[in-house]
Protein backbone atom coordinates (compact mmCIF):
# COMPACT_ATOMS: atom_id res chain seq x y z
CA MET A 1 7.20 -0.37 22.98
CA PRO A 2 3.75 -1.91 22.26
CA PRO A 3 1.11 0.78 22.40
CA ALA A 4 -0.30 -1.03 25.65
CA LEU A 5 2.82 -0.35 27.60
CA GLN A 6 2.95 3.51 25.97
CA GLN A 7 1.51 6.52 27.83
CA GLN A 8 -0.81 8.43 25.60
CA ILE A 9 -3.02 10.94 24.82
CA THR A 10 -6.71 11.00 22.60
CA LEU A 11 -8.11 14.03 21.72
CA GLY A 12 -11.10 14.31 19.83
CA PHE A 13 -13.52 16.93 18.40
CA GLY A 14 -16.53 16.41 20.76
CA THR A 15 -18.47 13.28 21.83
CA ASP A 16 -21.01 11.31 20.01
CA PRO A 17 -24.40 10.08 22.36
CA ALA A 18 -22.75 7.06 23.00
CA GLY A 19 -19.88 9.20 24.54
CA PHE A 20 -17.11 7.92 22.32
CA PRO A 21 -14.84 10.87 20.36
CA ILE A 22 -15.33 12.05 17.32
CA GLN A 23 -13.00 11.65 15.03
CA PRO A 24 -10.16 10.67 17.84
CA VAL A 25 -6.84 11.04 17.05
CA THR A 26 -4.08 8.95 19.50
CA ILE A 27 -0.87 10.27 20.09
CA PRO A 28 1.95 8.43 22.44
CA TRP A 29 2.80 10.17 25.09
CA ALA A 30 6.48 10.45 24.00
CA ARG A 31 5.76 12.20 21.23
CA VAL A 32 3.92 15.06 22.37
CA ASN A 33 5.92 15.55 25.57
CA ASN A 34 7.43 18.90 25.66
CA HIS A 35 6.04 20.03 22.38
CA LYS A 36 3.95 22.75 21.00
CA LEU A 37 0.17 20.99 20.60
CA THR A 38 -2.57 22.95 19.39
CA LEU A 39 -6.13 23.81 18.91
CA SER A 40 -6.67 26.33 16.54
CA PHE A 41 -9.34 26.72 13.77
CA THR A 42 -9.59 27.63 10.05
CA PRO A 43 -12.44 28.58 7.20
CA ALA A 44 -14.76 26.13 6.33
CA SER A 45 -14.75 26.14 3.36
CA GLU A 46 -13.55 28.72 0.41
CA ALA A 47 -16.40 31.07 0.96
CA ASP A 48 -15.75 31.12 4.51
CA ALA A 49 -11.79 31.83 3.93
CA GLN A 50 -12.78 34.94 1.37
CA ALA A 51 -15.42 35.99 3.43
CA LEU A 52 -13.28 37.16 5.98
CA ALA A 53 -10.54 38.15 3.61
CA ASN A 54 -13.19 40.76 2.28
CA LEU A 55 -13.13 41.96 6.06
CA ILE A 56 -9.93 43.56 5.07
CA PRO A 57 -9.64 46.78 4.03
CA GLU A 58 -7.13 47.12 1.15
CA ASP A 59 -5.87 50.31 2.69
CA ALA A 60 -5.07 48.63 6.71
CA ASP A 61 -1.88 50.21 7.84
CA GLY A 62 -2.80 48.73 11.36
CA ILE A 63 -4.53 46.65 13.95
CA GLU A 64 -6.76 49.94 14.62
CA ASP A 65 -8.24 49.29 10.75
CA LEU A 66 -9.82 46.14 11.31
CA PRO A 67 -13.32 44.78 11.61
CA SER A 68 -14.38 45.37 15.88
CA SER A 69 -16.75 42.42 15.37
CA ILE A 70 -17.01 39.58 12.64
CA SER A 71 -20.08 37.55 11.76
CA SER A 72 -21.14 34.31 13.87
CA LEU A 73 -22.38 33.74 9.94
CA ILE A 74 -18.55 32.47 9.32
CA LYS A 75 -17.97 29.02 9.94
CA VAL A 76 -14.95 27.14 10.64
CA ARG A 77 -13.12 23.71 11.44
CA PRO A 78 -11.29 22.68 14.29
CA GLU A 79 -7.92 21.74 13.60
CA ILE A 80 -5.02 19.59 15.85
CA LYS A 81 -1.50 20.46 15.08
CA LEU A 82 2.18 19.19 16.55
CA SER A 83 4.83 21.30 16.35
CA GLY A 84 2.80 23.31 13.50
CA GLU A 85 2.09 19.77 11.72
CA THR A 86 -1.57 19.08 11.28
CA LEU A 87 -2.45 15.84 12.58
CA ALA A 88 -6.32 16.07 12.40
CA THR A 89 -9.01 19.01 11.31
CA GLY A 90 -12.74 18.31 12.40
CA ASN A 91 -15.40 17.47 9.76
CA SER A 92 -17.68 19.72 11.81
CA ARG A 93 -18.03 22.91 10.69
CA LEU A 94 -18.97 25.47 13.52
CA LYS A 95 -19.97 29.22 13.91
CA LEU A 96 -17.50 31.64 15.20
CA GLY A 97 -17.96 31.72 18.99
CA GLU A 98 -19.61 28.31 18.94
CA GLU A 99 -18.65 26.28 22.20
CA LEU A 100 -16.42 23.07 21.32
CA MET A 101 -15.80 20.28 23.67
CA LEU A 102 -12.62 19.25 22.98
CA PHE A 103 -12.38 15.62 24.15
CA ASN A 104 -9.05 14.93 25.95
CA GLN A 105 -7.88 11.35 27.18
CA VAL A 106 -4.53 10.53 28.60
CA PHE A 107 -4.07 6.67 29.23
CA PHE A 108 -1.30 5.48 31.96
CA PRO A 109 -0.17 1.71 31.54
CA GLY A 110 -1.49 0.02 34.15
CA ARG A 111 -3.80 3.03 35.74
CA GLY A 112 -6.23 3.29 33.46
CA ALA A 113 -7.16 6.58 31.40
CA VAL A 114 -8.35 10.38 32.91
CA THR A 115 -10.98 12.14 30.77
CA ARG A 116 -11.06 16.14 31.30
CA PRO A 117 -13.04 17.51 28.55
CA LEU A 118 -12.42 21.36 27.76
CA SER A 119 -13.79 23.60 26.76
CA VAL A 120 -13.13 25.79 23.48
CA LEU A 121 -14.90 28.68 21.34
CA ALA A 122 -14.99 28.41 17.57
CA GLY A 123 -12.35 31.34 16.84
CA SER A 124 -9.62 30.68 20.05
CA TYR A 125 -6.18 29.83 19.53
CA MET A 126 -5.10 27.20 22.20
CA ALA A 127 -2.16 25.26 23.20
CA ILE A 128 -2.92 21.88 24.59
CA GLY A 129 -0.78 20.66 27.68
CA SER A 130 1.16 17.91 27.04
CA GLU A 131 4.04 18.06 29.73
CA SER A 132 5.14 14.97 31.97
CA GLY A 133 8.30 14.52 34.03
CA SER A 134 9.69 17.59 33.54
CA ILE A 135 10.57 20.38 31.58
CA SER A 136 13.18 20.54 28.58
CA SER A 137 15.64 22.96 29.27
CA ALA A 138 16.91 22.40 25.26
CA ASN A 139 13.46 22.94 24.18
CA LEU A 140 13.25 25.69 26.23
CA GLU A 141 16.56 27.32 24.24
CA GLN A 142 15.14 26.39 20.44
CA LEU A 143 11.78 28.20 21.90
CA ARG A 144 13.60 31.21 22.93
CA GLN A 145 15.89 31.45 20.09
CA LYS A 146 12.79 31.18 17.62
CA VAL A 147 10.81 33.73 19.30
CA GLU A 148 14.02 36.40 19.20
CA GLN A 149 14.06 35.59 15.52
CA THR A 150 10.02 36.54 15.31
CA LYS A 151 11.21 39.42 17.37
CA THR A 152 13.80 40.42 15.23
CA THR A 153 11.37 40.02 11.66
CA LEU A 154 8.79 41.97 13.31
CA GLU A 155 10.53 44.80 14.39
CA SER A 156 12.29 45.26 11.44
CA GLN A 157 8.68 46.33 9.55
CA ASP A 158 10.09 44.59 6.18
CA PRO A 159 7.06 43.27 4.43
CA ALA A 160 7.83 40.53 2.57
CA LEU A 161 9.98 38.99 6.07
CA ILE A 162 6.63 39.90 7.97
CA ALA A 163 4.45 38.07 5.15
CA LEU A 164 6.24 34.58 5.92
CA LEU A 165 5.45 34.72 9.53
CA ASP A 166 1.85 32.93 10.24
CA ARG A 167 -0.22 32.48 13.54
CA GLU A 168 1.70 29.21 14.86
CA ASP A 169 4.96 32.00 14.65
CA ILE A 170 3.47 34.40 16.55
CA LEU A 171 0.29 33.13 18.62
CA GLY A 172 2.13 29.26 18.72
CA ASP A 173 4.83 29.96 19.97
CA LEU A 174 3.63 32.78 22.74
CA PHE A 175 1.13 30.18 24.07
CA TYR A 176 3.32 27.38 24.36
CA ALA A 177 5.90 29.62 26.05
CA GLY A 178 2.93 30.50 28.48
CA MET A 179 2.17 26.43 28.47
CA LEU A 180 5.85 25.36 29.35
CA GLY A 181 6.32 28.26 31.99
CA TYR A 182 3.64 27.60 33.90
CA TYR A 183 4.05 23.75 34.41
CA ALA A 184 8.18 24.70 35.14
CA GLN A 185 6.72 26.28 38.13
CA TYR A 186 3.94 23.98 38.94
CA MET A 187 6.70 21.22 39.36
CA ALA A 188 9.35 23.50 41.16
CA LEU A 189 6.89 24.11 44.05
CA SER A 190 5.26 20.63 43.86
CA ASN A 191 8.99 19.36 44.37
CA LEU A 192 9.39 22.04 46.78
CA MET A 193 6.54 21.37 48.53
CA GLY A 194 7.47 17.20 48.61
CA LEU A 195 11.11 17.66 50.42
CA GLN A 196 9.20 19.98 53.13
CA GLN A 197 7.66 16.56 53.93
CA ASP A 198 10.33 13.81 52.61
CA GLY A 199 8.51 13.21 49.92
CA GLN A 200 8.81 12.87 46.06
CA THR A 201 6.23 14.71 43.39
CA MET A 202 5.95 13.95 39.57
CA LEU A 203 3.85 15.22 36.97
CA MET A 204 2.08 12.45 35.60
CA ALA A 205 0.35 14.36 32.73
CA GLY A 206 -0.38 18.31 31.93
CA MET A 207 -3.80 18.84 31.06
CA GLY A 208 -5.60 22.07 30.20
CA THR A 209 -5.66 24.81 27.62
CA PHE A 210 -3.50 27.98 27.03
CA GLY A 211 -4.04 30.48 24.91
CA TYR A 212 -6.45 33.07 23.43
CA GLU A 213 -10.18 33.55 23.49
CA PRO A 214 -12.34 35.72 21.50
CA ASP A 215 -15.33 37.49 22.73
CA VAL A 216 -18.51 36.49 22.11
CA VAL A 217 -22.03 38.66 21.38
CA ARG A 218 -24.91 36.44 22.16
CA LEU A 219 -28.62 37.08 21.28
CA LEU A 220 -30.98 34.72 23.06
CA GLY A 221 -27.99 32.47 24.31
CA PHE A 222 -26.97 31.95 20.40
CA PRO A 223 -22.91 33.31 19.35
CA ILE A 224 -24.31 35.74 16.33
CA ALA A 225 -20.63 37.41 16.56
CA ILE A 226 -17.26 37.87 18.04
CA ARG A 227 -14.95 40.60 18.88
CA PRO A 228 -11.35 41.28 19.99
CA GLY A 229 -11.01 39.09 23.49
CA GLY A 230 -7.80 38.09 25.32
CA VAL A 231 -6.10 35.13 27.15
CA ALA A 232 -7.95 32.52 28.62
CA LEU A 233 -6.45 29.69 30.67
CA ASP A 234 -7.83 26.31 31.64
CA LEU A 235 -5.64 23.56 33.79
CA PRO A 236 -7.34 21.18 36.39
CA VAL A 237 -5.71 21.37 39.40
CA ALA A 238 -6.08 18.83 42.24
CA GLY A 239 -9.43 18.10 40.89
CA ARG A 240 -10.65 21.00 40.25
CA ARG A 241 -10.68 23.81 37.53
CA LEU A 242 -8.17 26.74 37.57
CA ARG A 243 -9.87 28.84 34.31
CA MET A 244 -8.99 32.35 34.31
CA VAL A 245 -10.30 34.62 31.37
CA CYS A 246 -7.72 38.28 30.97
CA LYS A 247 -9.93 40.60 28.64
CA ARG A 248 -10.55 44.35 27.94
CA LYS A 249 -14.26 43.34 28.28
CA SER A 250 -16.46 40.91 29.57
CA ASN A 251 -18.49 38.40 27.18
CA VAL A 252 -22.00 40.08 26.30
CA SER A 253 -25.47 38.87 25.49
CA LEU A 254 -28.09 40.40 24.16
């Protein structure tokens, strides 16, 4: 099918002064529908990677041994991945805790495009909404089996097996499941309400983010460090945004 007749999603690492997306990547919706589409961050340089590694004590045995905060002097680059495969890496070097306005646009053939920029903090890990029509039962079953396998690996306490896991196996699958679950309930309730009014409903495109967001320590409005945060979701609903952040502590400003 020619691109002009395909529903597509375009993502970019912010916009330029003219409003055009920076480093845009356009993907056919059929390729992302019901699949794990994520935005994460990677060290901007070898020096940044080494600085992060130096924060972990050699004798660390658990989460309680990790540092309580990380300086925003460490910089990262944003990455967009599809099912764990890197599609694009941003050129911008962001301080940890700095805001990135993710360009997010869906093109509907014959209807035009809908653009909804999404605010993401550097250091976050977010699943990006990529659901349409219905939720794939096959994808849900594969995800269930993978999550069970990851759980078994973690419970084995085998360092060699656990070392093979990465954030895609742990965070990626967890938030991918959350996004699928949210839109499954959304579509079920929409369908029920439609039947009550002798109508039909269909999700054209799920747009939003669901994942982990750090707490940001600020000085005069500028990020100086990040601390452990919590689950955050930013999902447009009927023209409005449903934004929730579940954290132990709120953002701190000095």
